[in-house]
């Protein structure tokens, strides 16, 4: 079974930075994409950022210019550098992996990010 383990969440003041990591293990297939979703209290889960096998990236409008997604050389670990954090970034952040051939979705357990004002 694929395992996704997130780390790097925590409490930070507005304007501060955090870096989230997601390490994937037991990978025996090609990875189509990896990314981050988040869900805040009372809100729907939303895509924050994704990076695709070809290297292209996608960001939510609310985080463009502040967050940067990247991956390691093996393409089995994804990072989310979060700068200029705002209280509205407070949420549980979930790592997501999409495999190729066949296409399947895998999820981590989530890591809490709290930004104080």
N, C-alpha and C. Protein backbone atom coordinates (compact mmCIF):
# COMPACT_ATOMS: atom_id res chain seq x y z
N UNK A 1 0.84 -1.19 0.00
CA UNK A 1 0.00 0.00 0.00
C UNK A 1 0.88 1.25 0.00
N UNK A 2 0.53 2.23 -0.82
CA UNK A 2 1.25 3.49 -0.87
C UNK A 2 1.08 4.22 0.45
N UNK A 3 2.17 4.81 0.94
CA UNK A 3 2.12 5.62 2.14
C UNK A 3 2.59 7.03 1.84
N UNK A 4 1.84 8.01 2.31
CA UNK A 4 2.20 9.42 2.19
C UNK A 4 2.27 9.99 3.60
N UNK A 5 3.42 10.53 3.98
CA UNK A 5 3.62 11.05 5.32
C UNK A 5 3.97 12.53 5.22
N UNK A 6 3.11 13.37 5.79
CA UNK A 6 3.33 14.81 5.78
C UNK A 6 4.06 15.24 7.05
N UNK A 7 4.82 16.32 6.93
CA UNK A 7 5.49 16.91 8.07
C UNK A 7 5.70 18.39 7.81
N UNK A 8 6.00 19.13 8.86
CA UNK A 8 6.33 20.54 8.73
C UNK A 8 5.25 21.51 9.15
N UNK A 9 4.07 21.01 9.48
CA UNK A 9 3.02 21.89 9.95
C UNK A 9 3.32 22.43 11.33
N UNK A 10 2.54 23.42 11.73
CA UNK A 10 2.73 24.00 13.04
C UNK A 10 2.05 25.34 13.17
N UNK A 11 2.44 26.07 14.19
CA UNK A 11 1.89 27.38 14.50
C UNK A 11 2.91 28.45 14.13
N UNK A 12 2.45 29.46 13.40
CA UNK A 12 3.33 30.54 12.97
C UNK A 12 2.54 31.85 12.97
N UNK A 13 3.24 32.94 13.19
CA UNK A 13 2.60 34.25 13.14
C UNK A 13 2.39 34.70 11.69
N UNK A 14 1.40 35.54 11.49
CA UNK A 14 1.17 36.11 10.17
C UNK A 14 2.44 36.76 9.64
N UNK A 15 2.71 36.52 8.37
CA UNK A 15 3.93 37.01 7.75
C UNK A 15 5.08 36.05 7.81
N UNK A 16 4.95 34.99 8.58
CA UNK A 16 6.00 34.01 8.71
C UNK A 16 5.97 32.97 7.62
N UNK A 17 6.83 31.96 7.77
CA UNK A 17 6.98 30.93 6.75
C UNK A 17 6.98 29.54 7.37
N UNK A 18 6.55 28.58 6.58
CA UNK A 18 6.63 27.17 6.90
C UNK A 18 6.94 26.40 5.63
N UNK A 19 7.56 25.24 5.78
CA UNK A 19 7.76 24.35 4.66
C UNK A 19 7.19 22.99 4.98
N UNK A 20 6.23 22.55 4.18
CA UNK A 20 5.64 21.23 4.33
C UNK A 20 6.37 20.23 3.45
N UNK A 21 6.48 19.01 3.95
CA UNK A 21 7.08 17.92 3.19
C UNK A 21 6.11 16.76 3.14
N UNK A 22 6.13 16.04 2.04
CA UNK A 22 5.34 14.82 1.89
C UNK A 22 6.23 13.77 1.26
N UNK A 23 6.50 12.73 2.02
CA UNK A 23 7.34 11.63 1.55
C UNK A 23 6.48 10.44 1.19
N UNK A 24 6.65 9.96 -0.02
CA UNK A 24 5.90 8.81 -0.51
C UNK A 24 6.78 7.57 -0.46
N UNK A 25 6.21 6.48 -0.03
CA UNK A 25 6.93 5.21 0.01
C UNK A 25 6.09 4.11 -0.60
N UNK A 26 6.73 2.99 -0.86
CA UNK A 26 6.08 1.83 -1.48
C UNK A 26 5.54 2.17 -2.86
N UNK A 27 6.30 2.99 -3.59
CA UNK A 27 5.91 3.40 -4.93
C UNK A 27 6.47 2.40 -5.94
N UNK A 28 5.58 1.77 -6.68
CA UNK A 28 5.97 0.79 -7.70
C UNK A 28 5.37 1.15 -9.05
N UNK A 29 5.05 2.40 -9.26
CA UNK A 29 4.43 2.86 -10.48
C UNK A 29 4.92 4.27 -10.81
N UNK A 30 4.55 4.75 -11.98
CA UNK A 30 4.89 6.11 -12.37
C UNK A 30 3.95 7.10 -11.69
N UNK A 31 4.50 8.25 -11.32
CA UNK A 31 3.72 9.30 -10.67
C UNK A 31 3.34 10.34 -11.70
N UNK A 32 2.05 10.59 -11.80
CA UNK A 32 1.55 11.61 -12.71
C UNK A 32 1.66 13.00 -12.11
N UNK A 33 1.32 13.11 -10.82
CA UNK A 33 1.34 14.41 -10.17
C UNK A 33 1.37 14.22 -8.66
N UNK A 34 1.88 15.22 -7.97
CA UNK A 34 1.77 15.31 -6.52
C UNK A 34 1.36 16.72 -6.18
N UNK A 35 0.64 16.86 -5.08
CA UNK A 35 0.19 18.18 -4.72
C UNK A 35 -0.31 18.26 -3.31
N UNK A 36 -0.84 19.43 -3.00
CA UNK A 36 -1.35 19.74 -1.67
C UNK A 36 -2.76 20.30 -1.77
N UNK A 37 -3.63 19.78 -0.93
CA UNK A 37 -4.96 20.32 -0.72
C UNK A 37 -5.05 20.82 0.72
N UNK A 38 -6.04 21.65 0.99
CA UNK A 38 -6.27 22.09 2.36
C UNK A 38 -7.75 22.23 2.62
N UNK A 39 -8.11 22.10 3.88
CA UNK A 39 -9.49 22.27 4.30
C UNK A 39 -9.51 23.03 5.62
N UNK A 40 -10.16 24.18 5.60
CA UNK A 40 -10.33 25.01 6.78
C UNK A 40 -11.70 24.76 7.38
N UNK A 41 -11.88 25.06 8.67
CA UNK A 41 -13.19 24.87 9.29
C UNK A 41 -14.28 25.62 8.54
N UNK A 42 -15.36 24.92 8.24
CA UNK A 42 -16.49 25.53 7.56
C UNK A 42 -16.30 25.77 6.08
N UNK A 43 -15.21 25.30 5.52
CA UNK A 43 -14.94 25.51 4.10
C UNK A 43 -14.70 24.18 3.39
N UNK A 44 -14.86 24.20 2.08
CA UNK A 44 -14.62 23.02 1.27
C UNK A 44 -13.13 22.78 1.08
N UNK A 45 -12.76 21.52 0.86
CA UNK A 45 -11.38 21.21 0.55
C UNK A 45 -11.03 21.80 -0.82
N UNK A 46 -9.85 22.39 -0.91
CA UNK A 46 -9.44 23.04 -2.14
C UNK A 46 -8.02 22.66 -2.51
N UNK A 47 -7.76 22.65 -3.80
CA UNK A 47 -6.40 22.44 -4.29
C UNK A 47 -5.57 23.68 -4.01
N UNK A 48 -4.43 23.49 -3.37
CA UNK A 48 -3.51 24.58 -3.08
C UNK A 48 -2.45 24.69 -4.17
N UNK A 49 -1.79 23.57 -4.46
CA UNK A 49 -0.73 23.56 -5.45
C UNK A 49 -0.51 22.13 -5.93
N UNK A 50 -0.06 22.00 -7.16
CA UNK A 50 0.25 20.70 -7.72
C UNK A 50 1.45 20.82 -8.65
N UNK A 51 2.20 19.74 -8.74
CA UNK A 51 3.31 19.67 -9.67
C UNK A 51 3.17 18.38 -10.46
N UNK A 52 3.30 18.49 -11.77
CA UNK A 52 3.05 17.38 -12.67
C UNK A 52 4.35 16.74 -13.13
N UNK A 53 4.24 15.57 -13.75
CA UNK A 53 5.42 14.81 -14.11
C UNK A 53 6.36 15.58 -15.04
N UNK A 54 5.79 16.42 -15.89
CA UNK A 54 6.60 17.21 -16.80
C UNK A 54 7.23 18.44 -16.17
N UNK A 55 6.90 18.73 -14.92
CA UNK A 55 7.48 19.85 -14.22
C UNK A 55 6.59 21.07 -14.11
N UNK A 56 5.47 21.08 -14.80
CA UNK A 56 4.58 22.22 -14.71
C UNK A 56 3.91 22.26 -13.34
N UNK A 57 3.47 23.44 -12.94
CA UNK A 57 2.85 23.64 -11.64
C UNK A 57 1.54 24.37 -11.78
N UNK A 58 0.72 24.24 -10.75
CA UNK A 58 -0.57 24.91 -10.69
C UNK A 58 -0.80 25.36 -9.26
N UNK A 59 -1.33 26.58 -9.10
CA UNK A 59 -1.57 27.15 -7.78
C UNK A 59 -2.97 27.73 -7.69
N UNK A 60 -3.53 27.66 -6.50
CA UNK A 60 -4.75 28.40 -6.23
C UNK A 60 -4.46 29.89 -6.29
N UNK A 61 -5.43 30.66 -6.76
CA UNK A 61 -5.23 32.10 -6.86
C UNK A 61 -4.86 32.72 -5.52
N UNK A 62 -5.39 32.19 -4.45
CA UNK A 62 -5.18 32.76 -3.13
C UNK A 62 -3.75 32.62 -2.62
N UNK A 63 -2.96 31.73 -3.23
CA UNK A 63 -1.59 31.50 -2.75
C UNK A 63 -0.53 31.85 -3.78
N UNK A 64 -0.93 32.21 -4.98
CA UNK A 64 0.05 32.55 -6.01
C UNK A 64 0.94 33.69 -5.55
N UNK A 65 2.23 33.52 -5.77
CA UNK A 65 3.20 34.51 -5.36
C UNK A 65 3.70 34.34 -3.94
N UNK A 66 3.04 33.50 -3.16
CA UNK A 66 3.43 33.28 -1.77
C UNK A 66 3.91 31.85 -1.51
N UNK A 67 3.31 30.89 -2.20
CA UNK A 67 3.65 29.48 -2.01
C UNK A 67 4.41 28.96 -3.22
N UNK A 68 5.31 28.01 -2.99
CA UNK A 68 6.06 27.38 -4.06
C UNK A 68 6.09 25.88 -3.84
N UNK A 69 5.69 25.12 -4.84
CA UNK A 69 5.72 23.67 -4.76
C UNK A 69 6.95 23.16 -5.51
N UNK A 70 7.57 22.12 -4.98
CA UNK A 70 8.73 21.52 -5.61
C UNK A 70 8.79 20.04 -5.26
N UNK A 71 9.68 19.32 -5.92
CA UNK A 71 9.82 17.89 -5.67
C UNK A 71 11.29 17.52 -5.64
N UNK A 72 11.60 16.36 -5.07
CA UNK A 72 12.98 15.91 -5.03
C UNK A 72 13.35 15.20 -6.33
N UNK A 73 14.60 14.81 -6.44
CA UNK A 73 15.09 14.22 -7.69
C UNK A 73 14.39 12.91 -8.03
N UNK A 74 13.99 12.19 -7.04
CA UNK A 74 13.32 10.90 -7.26
C UNK A 74 11.84 11.05 -7.55
N UNK A 75 11.33 12.26 -7.42
CA UNK A 75 9.91 12.55 -7.66
C UNK A 75 9.00 11.77 -6.75
N UNK A 76 9.51 11.42 -5.59
CA UNK A 76 8.69 10.72 -4.61
C UNK A 76 8.46 11.55 -3.34
N UNK A 77 9.03 12.75 -3.29
CA UNK A 77 8.82 13.66 -2.18
C UNK A 77 8.45 15.03 -2.74
N UNK A 78 7.44 15.63 -2.18
CA UNK A 78 7.00 16.94 -2.61
C UNK A 78 7.04 17.90 -1.43
N UNK A 79 7.37 19.16 -1.72
CA UNK A 79 7.49 20.19 -0.71
C UNK A 79 6.56 21.34 -1.04
N UNK A 80 6.13 22.03 -0.02
CA UNK A 80 5.36 23.25 -0.20
C UNK A 80 5.98 24.33 0.68
N UNK A 81 6.68 25.25 0.06
CA UNK A 81 7.25 26.39 0.77
C UNK A 81 6.18 27.47 0.86
N UNK A 82 5.84 27.85 2.08
CA UNK A 82 4.77 28.81 2.32
C UNK A 82 5.37 30.05 2.97
N UNK A 83 5.34 31.15 2.25
CA UNK A 83 5.85 32.42 2.73
C UNK A 83 4.71 33.43 2.88
N UNK A 84 4.96 34.48 3.64
CA UNK A 84 3.97 35.54 3.84
C UNK A 84 2.62 34.96 4.25
N UNK A 85 2.65 34.08 5.22
CA UNK A 85 1.44 33.39 5.64
C UNK A 85 0.42 34.35 6.23
N UNK A 86 -0.84 34.04 5.97
CA UNK A 86 -1.97 34.82 6.45
C UNK A 86 -2.86 33.96 7.32
N UNK A 87 -3.63 34.57 8.23
CA UNK A 87 -4.54 33.77 9.04
C UNK A 87 -5.49 32.90 8.22
N UNK A 88 -5.89 33.36 7.05
CA UNK A 88 -6.79 32.58 6.21
C UNK A 88 -6.12 31.35 5.60
N UNK A 89 -4.81 31.20 5.76
CA UNK A 89 -4.13 29.98 5.35
C UNK A 89 -4.29 28.86 6.37
N UNK A 90 -4.84 29.17 7.52
CA UNK A 90 -5.04 28.16 8.56
C UNK A 90 -5.94 27.05 8.05
N UNK A 91 -5.46 25.82 8.12
CA UNK A 91 -6.21 24.68 7.60
C UNK A 91 -5.42 23.41 7.88
N UNK A 92 -6.07 22.29 7.64
CA UNK A 92 -5.36 21.01 7.58
C UNK A 92 -4.92 20.82 6.13
N UNK A 93 -3.65 20.57 5.94
CA UNK A 93 -3.09 20.40 4.61
C UNK A 93 -2.87 18.91 4.34
N UNK A 94 -3.35 18.46 3.18
CA UNK A 94 -3.29 17.06 2.81
C UNK A 94 -2.42 16.87 1.57
N UNK A 95 -1.52 15.92 1.64
CA UNK A 95 -0.72 15.54 0.49
C UNK A 95 -1.51 14.62 -0.42
N UNK A 96 -1.35 14.80 -1.71
CA UNK A 96 -2.06 14.00 -2.70
C UNK A 96 -1.08 13.51 -3.76
N UNK A 97 -1.25 12.26 -4.17
CA UNK A 97 -0.43 11.68 -5.23
C UNK A 97 -1.35 11.02 -6.24
N UNK A 98 -1.08 11.27 -7.51
CA UNK A 98 -1.83 10.66 -8.60
C UNK A 98 -0.88 9.79 -9.39
N UNK A 99 -1.22 8.51 -9.53
CA UNK A 99 -0.39 7.58 -10.27
C UNK A 99 -0.82 7.52 -11.72
N UNK A 100 0.05 6.95 -12.54
CA UNK A 100 -0.23 6.76 -13.96
C UNK A 100 -0.33 5.28 -14.26
N UNK A 101 -1.20 4.93 -15.18
CA UNK A 101 -1.30 3.59 -15.72
C UNK A 101 -1.37 2.49 -14.67
N UNK A 102 -2.49 2.42 -13.95
CA UNK A 102 -3.70 3.24 -14.10
C UNK A 102 -3.62 4.51 -13.26
N UNK A 103 -4.54 5.41 -13.50
CA UNK A 103 -4.62 6.63 -12.73
C UNK A 103 -5.37 6.37 -11.43
N UNK A 104 -4.69 6.63 -10.30
CA UNK A 104 -5.28 6.45 -8.98
C UNK A 104 -4.86 7.59 -8.07
N UNK A 105 -5.67 7.85 -7.07
CA UNK A 105 -5.41 8.89 -6.10
C UNK A 105 -5.04 8.30 -4.74
N UNK A 106 -4.03 8.89 -4.11
CA UNK A 106 -3.62 8.51 -2.77
C UNK A 106 -3.53 9.76 -1.91
N UNK A 107 -3.83 9.60 -0.62
CA UNK A 107 -3.89 10.74 0.30
C UNK A 107 -3.10 10.49 1.57
N UNK A 108 -2.48 11.55 2.06
CA UNK A 108 -1.88 11.51 3.38
C UNK A 108 -2.91 11.80 4.45
N UNK A 109 -2.48 11.74 5.70
CA UNK A 109 -3.39 11.93 6.82
C UNK A 109 -3.62 13.39 7.17
N UNK A 110 -2.80 14.28 6.66
CA UNK A 110 -2.96 15.70 6.90
C UNK A 110 -2.05 16.23 7.99
N UNK A 111 -1.70 17.50 7.87
CA UNK A 111 -0.91 18.18 8.87
C UNK A 111 -1.51 19.57 9.11
N UNK A 112 -1.61 19.95 10.37
CA UNK A 112 -2.27 21.20 10.74
C UNK A 112 -1.32 22.37 10.57
N UNK A 113 -1.81 23.41 9.91
CA UNK A 113 -1.11 24.68 9.80
C UNK A 113 -2.00 25.75 10.43
N UNK A 114 -1.46 26.45 11.41
CA UNK A 114 -2.21 27.51 12.09
C UNK A 114 -1.41 28.80 12.02
N UNK A 115 -2.03 29.84 11.50
CA UNK A 115 -1.40 31.15 11.36
C UNK A 115 -2.13 32.12 12.26
N UNK A 116 -1.43 32.68 13.21
CA UNK A 116 -2.02 33.63 14.15
C UNK A 116 -1.86 35.05 13.65
N UNK A 117 -2.80 35.90 14.02
CA UNK A 117 -2.76 37.31 13.62
C UNK A 117 -2.10 38.18 14.66
